[in-house]
Amino acid sequence: MKTTHYRVAVDVAELPDGATLRRQLGPTLPMGVWLDDDGRIRRQQIDMALKAPAEDGATDRASSSPRSARVRTVMEFSGFGTDVKAEAPPSRQVTDLTQKALERGQTQN
């Protein structure tokens, strides 16, 4: 299948909890996306250099845990238009964290 590869830089400040993410990732998040002839995303690749937050009272940097890590996430998308049969899990196995995420975002800003 023919795809077109695009390189983009996502403005981290525009993401949910952007201020925290900006401290950990920097101002932009490099991403590669591959679109097919119908404009559907077929592949997405995100490369991140994560910075660990400074620990309060940390004095011996040599013995502390690593301060950064490089992470690559690749997602492949296929099966567009395929009929899917899925059943919702029982309500006791589901938690809606939307409100908690919104509240956390408001306290971070």
PDB file of N, CA and C in Angstrom:
ATOM      1  N   MET A   1       0.840  -1.183   0.000  1.00  0.00           N
ATOM      2  CA  MET A   1       0.000   0.000   0.000  1.00  0.00           C
ATOM      3  C   MET A   1       0.878   1.236   0.000  1.00  0.00           C
ATOM      4  N   LYS A   2       0.554   2.163  -0.853  1.00  0.00           N
ATOM      5  CA  LYS A   2       1.302   3.412  -0.956  1.00  0.00           C
ATOM      6  C   LYS A   2       0.849   4.378   0.140  1.00  0.00           C
ATOM      7  N   THR A   3       1.815   4.974   0.826  1.00  0.00           N
ATOM      8  CA  THR A   3       1.520   5.984   1.842  1.00  0.00           C
ATOM      9  C   THR A   3       2.457   7.167   1.641  1.00  0.00           C
ATOM     10  N   THR A   4       2.077   8.285   2.222  1.00  0.00           N
ATOM     11  CA  THR A   4       2.912   9.481   2.219  1.00  0.00           C
ATOM     12  C   THR A   4       3.311   9.773   3.658  1.00  0.00           C
ATOM     13  N   HIS A   5       4.617   9.956   3.873  1.00  0.00           N
ATOM     14  CA  HIS A   5       5.143  10.186   5.215  1.00  0.00           C
ATOM     15  C   HIS A   5       5.242  11.691   5.479  1.00  0.00           C
ATOM     16  N   TYR A   6       4.707  12.106   6.616  1.00  0.00           N
ATOM     17  CA  TYR A   6       4.803  13.502   7.053  1.00  0.00           C
ATOM     18  C   TYR A   6       5.510  13.534   8.394  1.00  0.00           C
ATOM     19  N   ARG A   7       6.368  14.526   8.566  1.00  0.00           N
ATOM     20  CA  ARG A   7       6.991  14.778   9.871  1.00  0.00           C
ATOM     21  C   ARG A   7       6.341  16.029  10.427  1.00  0.00           C
ATOM     22  N   VAL A   8       5.869  15.932  11.657  1.00  0.00           N
ATOM     23  CA  VAL A   8       5.206  17.070  12.286  1.00  0.00           C
ATOM     24  C   VAL A   8       5.801  17.298  13.666  1.00  0.00           C
ATOM     25  N   ALA A   9       5.598  18.490  14.187  1.00  0.00           N
ATOM     26  CA  ALA A   9       6.013  18.839  15.546  1.00  0.00           C
ATOM     27  C   ALA A   9       4.766  19.312  16.283  1.00  0.00           C
ATOM     28  N   VAL A  10       4.323  18.531  17.242  1.00  0.00           N
ATOM     29  CA  VAL A  10       3.130  18.848  18.013  1.00  0.00           C
ATOM     30  C   VAL A  10       3.494  19.849  19.103  1.00  0.00           C
ATOM     31  N   ASP A  11       2.716  20.916  19.209  1.00  0.00           N
ATOM     32  CA  ASP A  11       2.907  21.915  20.264  1.00  0.00           C
ATOM     33  C   ASP A  11       2.417  21.309  21.575  1.00  0.00           C
ATOM     34  N   VAL A  12       3.341  20.945  22.443  1.00  0.00           N
ATOM     35  CA  VAL A  12       3.017  20.252  23.684  1.00  0.00           C
ATOM     36  C   VAL A  12       2.087  21.084  24.570  1.00  0.00           C
ATOM     37  N   ALA A  13       2.215  22.393  24.530  1.00  0.00           N
ATOM     38  CA  ALA A  13       1.368  23.256  25.369  1.00  0.00           C
ATOM     39  C   ALA A  13      -0.110  23.112  25.035  1.00  0.00           C
ATOM     40  N   GLU A  14      -0.434  22.642  23.814  1.00  0.00           N
ATOM     41  CA  GLU A  14      -1.828  22.487  23.399  1.00  0.00           C
ATOM     42  C   GLU A  14      -2.435  21.158  23.849  1.00  0.00           C
ATOM     43  N   LEU A  15      -1.636  20.258  24.397  1.00  0.00           N
ATOM     44  CA  LEU A  15      -2.129  18.958  24.848  1.00  0.00           C
ATOM     45  C   LEU A  15      -2.691  19.073  26.260  1.00  0.00           C
ATOM     46  N   PRO A  16      -3.572  18.134  26.651  1.00  0.00           N
ATOM     47  CA  PRO A  16      -4.041  18.135  28.043  1.00  0.00           C
ATOM     48  C   PRO A  16      -2.853  18.046  28.994  1.00  0.00           C
ATOM     49  N   ASP A  17      -2.890  18.824  30.064  1.00  0.00           N
ATOM     50  CA  ASP A  17      -1.809  18.894  31.049  1.00  0.00           C
ATOM     51  C   ASP A  17      -0.506  19.337  30.380  1.00  0.00           C
ATOM     52  N   GLY A  18      -0.636  20.255  29.437  1.00  0.00           N
ATOM     53  CA  GLY A  18       0.475  20.719  28.628  1.00  0.00           C
ATOM     54  C   GLY A  18       1.643  21.289  29.414  1.00  0.00           C
ATOM     55  N   ALA A  19       1.371  21.991  30.509  1.00  0.00           N
ATOM     56  CA  ALA A  19       2.459  22.586  31.288  1.00  0.00           C
ATOM     57  C   ALA A  19       3.368  21.501  31.865  1.00  0.00           C
ATOM     58  N   THR A  20       2.773  20.448  32.395  1.00  0.00           N
ATOM     59  CA  THR A  20       3.564  19.347  32.945  1.00  0.00           C
ATOM     60  C   THR A  20       4.307  18.630  31.833  1.00  0.00           C
ATOM     61  N   LEU A  21       3.615  18.351  30.737  1.00  0.00           N
ATOM     62  CA  LEU A  21       4.254  17.676  29.610  1.00  0.00           C
ATOM     63  C   LEU A  21       5.400  18.497  29.045  1.00  0.00           C
ATOM     64  N   ARG A  22       5.235  19.794  29.001  1.00  0.00           N
ATOM     65  CA  ARG A  22       6.294  20.671  28.472  1.00  0.00           C
ATOM     66  C   ARG A  22       7.566  20.558  29.313  1.00  0.00           C
ATOM     67  N   ARG A  23       7.417  20.469  30.636  1.00  0.00           N
ATOM     68  CA  ARG A  23       8.581  20.304  31.510  1.00  0.00           C
ATOM     69  C   ARG A  23       9.272  18.962  31.255  1.00  0.00           C
ATOM     70  N   GLN A  24       8.490  17.938  30.917  1.00  0.00           N
ATOM     71  CA  GLN A  24       9.052  16.603  30.722  1.00  0.00           C
ATOM     72  C   GLN A  24       9.550  16.372  29.297  1.00  0.00           C
ATOM     73  N   LEU A  25       8.878  16.969  28.308  1.00  0.00           N
ATOM     74  CA  LEU A  25       9.175  16.682  26.898  1.00  0.00           C
ATOM     75  C   LEU A  25       9.850  17.814  26.148  1.00  0.00           C
ATOM     76  N   GLY A  26       9.722  19.021  26.653  1.00  0.00           N
ATOM     77  CA  GLY A  26      10.179  20.180  25.902  1.00  0.00           C
ATOM     78  C   GLY A  26       8.998  20.794  25.163  1.00  0.00           C
ATOM     79  N   PRO A  27       9.240  21.809  24.335  1.00  0.00           N
ATOM     80  CA  PRO A  27       8.134  22.552  23.721  1.00  0.00           C
ATOM     81  C   PRO A  27       7.397  21.814  22.605  1.00  0.00           C
ATOM     82  N   THR A  28       8.066  20.862  21.939  1.00  0.00           N
ATOM     83  CA  THR A  28       7.409  20.146  20.843  1.00  0.00           C
ATOM     84  C   THR A  28       7.639  18.649  20.955  1.00  0.00           C
ATOM     85  N   LEU A  29       6.723  17.912  20.357  1.00  0.00           N
ATOM     86  CA  LEU A  29       6.800  16.458  20.323  1.00  0.00           C
ATOM     87  C   LEU A  29       6.915  16.032  18.865  1.00  0.00           C
ATOM     88  N   PRO A  30       8.081  15.509  18.447  1.00  0.00           N
ATOM     89  CA  PRO A  30       8.237  15.096  17.055  1.00  0.00           C
ATOM     90  C   PRO A  30       7.404  13.849  16.770  1.00  0.00           C
ATOM     91  N   MET A  31       6.741  13.853  15.628  1.00  0.00           N
ATOM     92  CA  MET A  31       5.878  12.741  15.271  1.00  0.00           C
ATOM     93  C   MET A  31       5.963  12.513  13.766  1.00  0.00           C
ATOM     94  N   GLY A  32       5.909  11.261  13.388  1.00  0.00           N
ATOM     95  CA  GLY A  32       5.797  10.905  11.987  1.00  0.00           C
ATOM     96  C   GLY A  32       4.447  10.265  11.752  1.00  0.00           C
ATOM     97  N   VAL A  33       3.776  10.651  10.687  1.00  0.00           N
ATOM     98  CA  VAL A  33       2.502  10.023  10.324  1.00  0.00           C
ATOM     99  C   VAL A  33       2.567   9.626   8.861  1.00  0.00           C
ATOM    100  N   TRP A  34       1.989   8.497   8.548  1.00  0.00           N
ATOM    101  CA  TRP A  34       1.910   7.979   7.187  1.00  0.00           C
ATOM    102  C   TRP A  34       0.435   7.919   6.813  1.00  0.00           C
ATOM    103  N   LEU A  35       0.056   8.633   5.763  1.00  0.00           N
ATOM    104  CA  LEU A  35      -1.335   8.674   5.307  1.00  0.00           C
ATOM    105  C   LEU A  35      -1.457   7.918   3.994  1.00  0.00           C
ATOM    106  N   ASP A  36      -2.589   7.207   3.849  1.00  0.00           N
ATOM    107  CA  ASP A  36      -2.834   6.521   2.583  1.00  0.00           C
ATOM    108  C   ASP A  36      -3.509   7.478   1.601  1.00  0.00           C
ATOM    109  N   ASP A  37      -3.822   6.980   0.410  1.00  0.00           N
ATOM    110  CA  ASP A  37      -4.417   7.823  -0.630  1.00  0.00           C
ATOM    111  C   ASP A  37      -5.808   8.344  -0.262  1.00  0.00           C
ATOM    112  N   ASP A  38      -6.446   7.716   0.732  1.00  0.00           N
ATOM    113  CA  ASP A  38      -7.756   8.176   1.196  1.00  0.00           C
ATOM    114  C   ASP A  38      -7.649   9.134   2.387  1.00  0.00           C
ATOM    115  N   GLY A  39      -6.421   9.503   2.764  1.00  0.00           N
ATOM    116  CA  GLY A  39      -6.219  10.440   3.868  1.00  0.00           C
ATOM    117  C   GLY A  39      -6.310   9.795   5.239  1.00  0.00           C
ATOM    118  N   ARG A  40      -6.311   8.460   5.279  1.00  0.00           N
ATOM    119  CA  ARG A  40      -6.388   7.756   6.569  1.00  0.00           C
ATOM    120  C   ARG A  40      -4.982   7.518   7.103  1.00  0.00           C
ATOM    121  N   ILE A  41      -4.844   7.683   8.402  1.00  0.00           N
ATOM    122  CA  ILE A  41      -3.547   7.436   9.014  1.00  0.00           C
ATOM    123  C   ILE A  41      -3.319   5.925   9.060  1.00  0.00           C
ATOM    124  N   ARG A  42      -2.169   5.498   8.560  1.00  0.00           N
ATOM    125  CA  ARG A  42      -1.819   4.081   8.532  1.00  0.00           C
ATOM    126  C   ARG A  42      -0.731   3.741   9.546  1.00  0.00           C
ATOM    127  N   ARG A  43       0.069   4.733   9.872  1.00  0.00           N
ATOM    128  CA  ARG A  43       1.140   4.520  10.842  1.00  0.00           C
ATOM    129  C   ARG A  43       1.411   5.837  11.541  1.00  0.00           C
ATOM    130  N   GLN A  44       1.721   5.742  12.839  1.00  0.00           N
ATOM    131  CA  GLN A  44       2.090   6.916  13.626  1.00  0.00           C
ATOM    132  C   GLN A  44       3.295   6.538  14.464  1.00  0.00           C
ATOM    133  N   GLN A  45       4.314   7.382  14.449  1.00  0.00           N
ATOM    134  CA  GLN A  45       5.518   7.142  15.235  1.00  0.00           C
ATOM    135  C   GLN A  45       5.824   8.382  16.057  1.00  0.00           C
ATOM    136  N   ILE A  46       5.978   8.170  17.350  1.00  0.00           N
ATOM    137  CA  ILE A  46       6.285   9.268  18.272  1.00  0.00           C
ATOM    138  C   ILE A  46       7.623   8.950  18.936  1.00  0.00           C
ATOM    139  N   ASP A  47       8.548   9.882  18.853  1.00  0.00           N
ATOM    140  CA  ASP A  47       9.841   9.755  19.518  1.00  0.00           C
ATOM    141  C   ASP A  47       9.905  10.782  20.633  1.00  0.00           C
ATOM    142  N   MET A  48      10.117  10.297  21.850  1.00  0.00           N
ATOM    143  CA  MET A  48      10.144  11.198  23.001  1.00  0.00           C
ATOM    144  C   MET A  48      11.449  11.051  23.769  1.00  0.00           C
ATOM    145  N   ALA A  49      11.916  12.156  24.280  1.00  0.00           N
ATOM    146  CA  ALA A  49      13.014  12.174  25.239  1.00  0.00           C
ATOM    147  C   ALA A  49      12.411  12.689  26.531  1.00  0.00           C
ATOM    148  N   LEU A  50      12.138  11.782  27.461  1.00  0.00           N
ATOM    149  CA  LEU A  50      11.485  12.141  28.711  1.00  0.00           C
ATOM    150  C   LEU A  50      12.506  12.578  29.743  1.00  0.00           C
ATOM    151  N   LYS A  51      12.192  13.661  30.433  1.00  0.00           N
ATOM    152  CA  LYS A  51      13.042  14.151  31.512  1.00  0.00           C
ATOM    153  C   LYS A  51      12.318  13.894  32.827  1.00  0.00           C
ATOM    154  N   ALA A  52      12.975  13.198  33.737  1.00  0.00           N
ATOM    155  CA  ALA A  52      12.387  12.932  35.041  1.00  0.00           C
ATOM    156  C   ALA A  52      12.382  14.208  35.861  1.00  0.00           C
ATOM    157  N   PRO A  53      11.310  14.449  36.629  1.00  0.00           N
ATOM    158  CA  PRO A  53      11.297  15.643  37.484  1.00  0.00           C
ATOM    159  C   PRO A  53      12.374  15.525  38.560  1.00  0.00           C
ATOM    160  N   ALA A  54      12.938  16.656  38.946  1.00  0.00           N
ATOM    161  CA  ALA A  54      13.969  16.675  39.987  1.00  0.00           C
ATOM    162  C   ALA A  54      13.360  16.215  41.298  1.00  0.00           C
ATOM    163  N   GLU A  55      14.093  15.376  42.002  1.00  0.00           N
ATOM    164  CA  GLU A  55      13.634  14.901  43.302  1.00  0.00           C
ATOM    165  C   GLU A  55      14.038  15.897  44.372  1.00  0.00           C
ATOM    166  N   ASP A  56      13.117  16.182  45.289  1.00  0.00           N
ATOM    167  CA  ASP A  56      13.434  17.096  46.383  1.00  0.00           C
ATOM    168  C   ASP A  56      14.517  16.493  47.263  1.00  0.00           C
ATOM    169  N   GLY A  57      15.546  17.260  47.531  1.00  0.00           N
ATOM    170  CA  GLY A  57      16.602  16.816  48.429  1.00  0.00           C
ATOM    171  C   GLY A  57      17.598  15.864  47.803  1.00  0.00           C
ATOM    172  N   ALA A  58      17.510  15.614  46.510  1.00  0.00           N
ATOM    173  CA  ALA A  58      18.457  14.703  45.864  1.00  0.00           C
ATOM    174  C   ALA A  58      19.821  15.384  45.771  1.00  0.00           C
ATOM    175  N   THR A  59      20.844  14.758  46.361  1.00  0.00           N
ATOM    176  CA  THR A  59      22.171  15.359  46.354  1.00  0.00           C
ATOM    177  C   THR A  59      23.180  14.499  45.619  1.00  0.00           C
ATOM    178  N   ASP A  60      23.040  13.194  45.679  1.00  0.00           N
ATOM    179  CA  ASP A  60      24.012  12.297  45.046  1.00  0.00           C
ATOM    180  C   ASP A  60      23.479  11.840  43.700  1.00  0.00           C
ATOM    181  N   ARG A  61      23.774  12.593  42.651  1.00  0.00           N
ATOM    182  CA  ARG A  61      23.271  12.288  41.312  1.00  0.00           C
ATOM    183  C   ARG A  61      23.848  10.977  40.766  1.00  0.00           C
ATOM    184  N   ALA A  62      25.058  10.617  41.192  1.00  0.00           N
ATOM    185  CA  ALA A  62      25.688   9.414  40.654  1.00  0.00           C
ATOM    186  C   ALA A  62      24.926   8.157  41.046  1.00  0.00           C
ATOM    187  N   SER A  63      24.334   8.131  42.212  1.00  0.00           N
ATOM    188  CA  SER A  63      23.641   6.926  42.666  1.00  0.00           C
ATOM    189  C   SER A  63      22.134   6.993  42.439  1.00  0.00           C
ATOM    190  N   SER A  64      21.628   8.115  41.964  1.00  0.00           N
ATOM    191  CA  SER A  64      20.194   8.229  41.749  1.00  0.00           C
ATOM    192  C   SER A  64      19.806   7.587  40.427  1.00  0.00           C
ATOM    193  N   SER A  65      18.506   7.420  40.219  1.00  0.00           N
ATOM    194  CA  SER A  65      18.004   6.798  39.000  1.00  0.00           C
ATOM    195  C   SER A  65      18.266   7.704  37.793  1.00  0.00           C
ATOM    196  N   PRO A  66      18.188   7.151  36.571  1.00  0.00           N
ATOM    197  CA  PRO A  66      18.428   7.969  35.374  1.00  0.00           C
ATOM    198  C   PRO A  66      17.492   9.172  35.325  1.00  0.00           C
ATOM    199  N   ARG A  67      17.988  10.271  34.791  1.00  0.00           N
ATOM    200  CA  ARG A  67      17.218  11.508  34.747  1.00  0.00           C
ATOM    201  C   ARG A  67      16.447  11.656  33.443  1.00  0.00           C
ATOM    202  N   SER A  68      16.703  10.781  32.451  1.00  0.00           N
ATOM    203  CA  SER A  68      15.988  10.884  31.193  1.00  0.00           C
ATOM    204  C   SER A  68      15.902   9.512  30.527  1.00  0.00           C
ATOM    205  N   ALA A  69      14.984   9.412  29.590  1.00  0.00           N
ATOM    206  CA  ALA A  69      14.818   8.168  28.831  1.00  0.00           C
ATOM    207  C   ALA A  69      14.306   8.514  27.442  1.00  0.00           C
ATOM    208  N   ARG A  70      14.714   7.740  26.462  1.00  0.00           N
ATOM    209  CA  ARG A  70      14.223   7.906  25.095  1.00  0.00           C
ATOM    210  C   ARG A  70      13.202   6.805  24.835  1.00  0.00           C
ATOM    211  N   VAL A  71      12.057   7.206  24.286  1.00  0.00           N
ATOM    212  CA  VAL A  71      10.967   6.267  24.040  1.00  0.00           C
ATOM    213  C   VAL A  71      10.470   6.450  22.615  1.00  0.00           C
ATOM    214  N   ARG A  72      10.286   5.356  21.901  1.00  0.00           N
ATOM    215  CA  ARG A  72       9.684   5.387  20.562  1.00  0.00           C
ATOM    216  C   ARG A  72       8.425   4.529  20.602  1.00  0.00           C
ATOM    217  N   THR A  73       7.310   5.111  20.186  1.00  0.00           N
ATOM    218  CA  THR A  73       6.040   4.396  20.107  1.00  0.00           C
ATOM    219  C   THR A  73       5.593   4.384  18.650  1.00  0.00           C
ATOM    220  N   VAL A  74       5.319   3.192  18.124  1.00  0.00           N
ATOM    221  CA  VAL A  74       4.861   3.048  16.748  1.00  0.00           C
ATOM    222  C   VAL A  74       3.512   2.344  16.771  1.00  0.00           C
ATOM    223  N   MET A  75       2.545   2.934  16.088  1.00  0.00           N
ATOM    224  CA  MET A  75       1.211   2.335  15.978  1.00  0.00           C
ATOM    225  C   MET A  75       0.889   2.141  14.503  1.00  0.00           C
ATOM    226  N   GLU A  76       0.418   0.949  14.172  1.00  0.00           N
ATOM    227  CA  GLU A  76      -0.001   0.621  12.807  1.00  0.00           C
ATOM    228  C   GLU A  76      -1.524   0.528  12.804  1.00  0.00           C
ATOM    229  N   PHE A  77      -2.150   1.112  11.801  1.00  0.00           N
ATOM    230  CA  PHE A  77      -3.608   1.106  11.696  1.00  0.00           C
ATOM    231  C   PHE A  77      -4.014   0.365  10.426  1.00  0.00           C
ATOM    232  N   SER A  78      -5.002  -0.523  10.563  1.00  0.00           N
ATOM    233  CA  SER A  78      -5.477  -1.296   9.416  1.00  0.00           C
ATOM    234  C   SER A  78      -6.913  -1.748   9.682  1.00  0.00           C
ATOM    235  N   GLY A  79      -7.467  -2.441   8.724  1.00  0.00           N
ATOM    236  CA  GLY A  79      -8.803  -2.997   8.907  1.00  0.00           C
ATOM    237  C   GLY A  79      -9.906  -1.960   8.884  1.00  0.00           C
ATOM    238  N   PHE A  80      -9.704  -0.854   8.184  1.00  0.00           N
ATOM    239  CA  PHE A  80     -10.731   0.185   8.116  1.00  0.00           C
ATOM    240  C   PHE A  80     -11.993  -0.392   7.486  1.00  0.00           C
ATOM    241  N   GLY A  81     -13.143  -0.092   8.071  1.00  0.00           N
ATOM    242  CA  GLY A  81     -14.417  -0.559   7.542  1.00  0.00           C
ATOM    243  C   GLY A  81     -14.779  -1.971   7.964  1.00  0.00           C
ATOM    244  N   THR A  82     -13.938  -2.611   8.758  1.00  0.00           N
ATOM    245  CA  THR A  82     -14.212  -3.970   9.218  1.00  0.00           C
ATOM    246  C   THR A  82     -15.297  -3.937  10.286  1.00  0.00           C
ATOM    247  N   ASP A  83     -16.274  -4.824  10.151  1.00  0.00           N
ATOM    248  CA  ASP A  83     -17.301  -4.937  11.189  1.00  0.00           C
ATOM    249  C   ASP A  83     -16.674  -5.514  12.448  1.00  0.00           C
ATOM    250  N   VAL A  84     -16.968  -4.892  13.560  1.00  0.00           N
ATOM    251  CA  VAL A  84     -16.415  -5.316  14.839  1.00  0.00           C
ATOM    252  C   VAL A  84     -17.557  -5.559  15.804  1.00  0.00           C
ATOM    253  N   LYS A  85     -17.498  -6.680  16.484  1.00  0.00           N
ATOM    254  CA  LYS A  85     -18.476  -6.958  17.528  1.00  0.00           C
ATOM    255  C   LYS A  85     -17.733  -6.910  18.855  1.00  0.00           C
ATOM    256  N   ALA A  86     -18.135  -5.994  19.697  1.00  0.00           N
ATOM    257  CA  ALA A  86     -17.492  -5.834  21.001  1.00  0.00           C
ATOM    258  C   ALA A  86     -18.560  -5.647  22.053  1.00  0.00           C
ATOM    259  N   GLU A  87     -18.308  -6.204  23.211  1.00  0.00           N
ATOM    260  CA  GLU A  87     -19.231  -6.036  24.326  1.00  0.00           C
ATOM    261  C   GLU A  87     -18.571  -5.172  25.389  1.00  0.00           C
ATOM    262  N   ALA A  88     -19.358  -4.274  25.945  1.00  0.00           N
ATOM    263  CA  ALA A  88     -18.848  -3.420  27.018  1.00  0.00           C
ATOM    264  C   ALA A  88     -18.557  -4.282  28.243  1.00  0.00           C
ATOM    265  N   PRO A  89     -17.487  -3.962  28.978  1.00  0.00           N
ATOM    266  CA  PRO A  89     -17.204  -4.713  30.207  1.00  0.00           C
ATOM    267  C   PRO A  89     -18.263  -4.402  31.259  1.00  0.00           C
ATOM    268  N   PRO A  90     -18.387  -5.265  32.258  1.00  0.00           N
ATOM    269  CA  PRO A  90     -19.345  -4.998  33.346  1.00  0.00           C
ATOM    270  C   PRO A  90     -19.019  -3.659  34.014  1.00  0.00           C
ATOM    271  N   SER A  91     -20.034  -2.953  34.465  1.00  0.00           N
ATOM    272  CA  SER A  91     -19.843  -1.621  35.054  1.00  0.00           C
ATOM    273  C   SER A  91     -18.879  -1.640  36.238  1.00  0.00           C
ATOM    274  N   ARG A  92     -18.788  -2.738  36.951  1.00  0.00           N
ATOM    275  CA  ARG A  92     -17.870  -2.814  38.108  1.00  0.00           C
ATOM    276  C   ARG A  92     -16.402  -2.813  37.675  1.00  0.00           C
ATOM    277  N   GLN A  93     -16.153  -3.027  36.383  1.00  0.00           N
ATOM    278  CA  GLN A  93     -14.793  -3.029  35.862  1.00  0.00           C
ATOM    279  C   GLN A  93     -14.437  -1.738  35.128  1.00  0.00           C
ATOM    280  N   VAL A  94     -15.312  -0.748  35.188  1.00  0.00           N
ATOM    281  CA  VAL A  94     -15.123   0.482  34.434  1.00  0.00           C
ATOM    282  C   VAL A  94     -15.106   1.677  35.375  1.00  0.00           C
ATOM    283  N   THR A  95     -14.184   2.608  35.130  1.00  0.00           N
ATOM    284  CA  THR A  95     -14.122   3.848  35.892  1.00  0.00           C
ATOM    285  C   THR A  95     -13.966   4.998  34.907  1.00  0.00           C
ATOM    286  N   ASP A  96     -14.794   6.014  35.047  1.00  0.00           N
ATOM    287  CA  ASP A  96     -14.698   7.202  34.208  1.00  0.00           C
ATOM    288  C   ASP A  96     -13.796   8.205  34.918  1.00  0.00           C
ATOM    289  N   LEU A  97     -12.627   8.458  34.345  1.00  0.00           N
ATOM    290  CA  LEU A  97     -11.650   9.368  34.946  1.00  0.00           C
ATOM    291  C   LEU A  97     -11.671  10.751  34.321  1.00  0.00           C
ATOM    292  N   THR A  98     -12.660  11.014  33.476  1.00  0.00           N
ATOM    293  CA  THR A  98     -12.717  12.287  32.771  1.00  0.00           C
ATOM    294  C   THR A  98     -12.707  13.460  33.743  1.00  0.00           C
ATOM    295  N   GLN A  99     -13.569  13.440  34.736  1.00  0.00           N
ATOM    296  CA  GLN A  99     -13.670  14.559  35.675  1.00  0.00           C
ATOM    297  C   GLN A  99     -12.379  14.735  36.467  1.00  0.00           C
ATOM    298  N   LYS A 100     -11.779  13.640  36.898  1.00  0.00           N
ATOM    299  CA  LYS A 100     -10.515  13.731  37.639  1.00  0.00           C
ATOM    300  C   LYS A 100      -9.423  14.334  36.767  1.00  0.00           C
ATOM    301  N   ALA A 101      -9.368  13.944  35.503  1.00  0.00           N
ATOM    302  CA  ALA A 101      -8.361  14.499  34.589  1.00  0.00           C
ATOM    303  C   ALA A 101      -8.580  15.983  34.388  1.00  0.00           C
ATOM    304  N   LEU A 102      -9.842  16.397  34.234  1.00  0.00           N
ATOM    305  CA  LEU A 102     -10.153  17.812  34.061  1.00  0.00           C
ATOM    306  C   LEU A 102      -9.768  18.623  35.290  1.00  0.00           C
ATOM    307  N   GLU A 103     -10.078  18.092  36.462  1.00  0.00           N
ATOM    308  CA  GLU A 103      -9.737  18.768  37.726  1.00  0.00           C
ATOM    309  C   GLU A 103      -8.220  18.878  37.865  1.00  0.00           C
ATOM    310  N   ARG A 104      -7.497  17.827  37.526  1.00  0.00           N
ATOM    311  CA  ARG A 104      -6.041  17.844  37.635  1.00  0.00           C
ATOM    312  C   ARG A 104      -5.458  18.892  36.703  1.00  0.00           C
ATOM    313  N   GLY A 105      -5.990  18.971  35.498  1.00  0.00           N
ATOM    314  CA  GLY A 105      -5.526  19.969  34.545  1.00  0.00           C
ATOM    315  C   GLY A 105      -5.742  21.379  35.028  1.00  0.00           C
ATOM    316  N   GLN A 106      -6.865  21.618  35.727  1.00  0.00           N
ATOM    317  CA  GLN A 106      -7.154  22.954  36.237  1.00  0.00           C
ATOM    318  C   GLN A 106      -6.224  23.325  37.381  1.00  0.00           C
ATOM    319  N   THR A 107      -5.842  22.349  38.225  1.00  0.00           N
ATOM    320  CA  THR A 107      -4.952  22.664  39.343  1.00  0.00           C
ATOM    321  C   THR A 107      -3.515  22.826  38.886  1.00  0.00           C
ATOM    322  N   GLN A 108      -3.152  22.264  37.715  1.00  0.00           N
ATOM    323  CA  GLN A 108      -1.800  22.381  37.193  1.00  0.00           C
ATOM    324  C   GLN A 108      -1.558  23.745  36.555  1.00  0.00           C
ATOM    325  N   ASN A 109      -2.608  24.385  36.072  1.00  0.00           N
ATOM    326  CA  ASN A 109      -2.450  25.673  35.349  1.00  0.00           C
ATOM    327  C   ASN A 109      -2.439  26.838  36.289  1.00  0.00           C
TER     328      ASN A 109
END
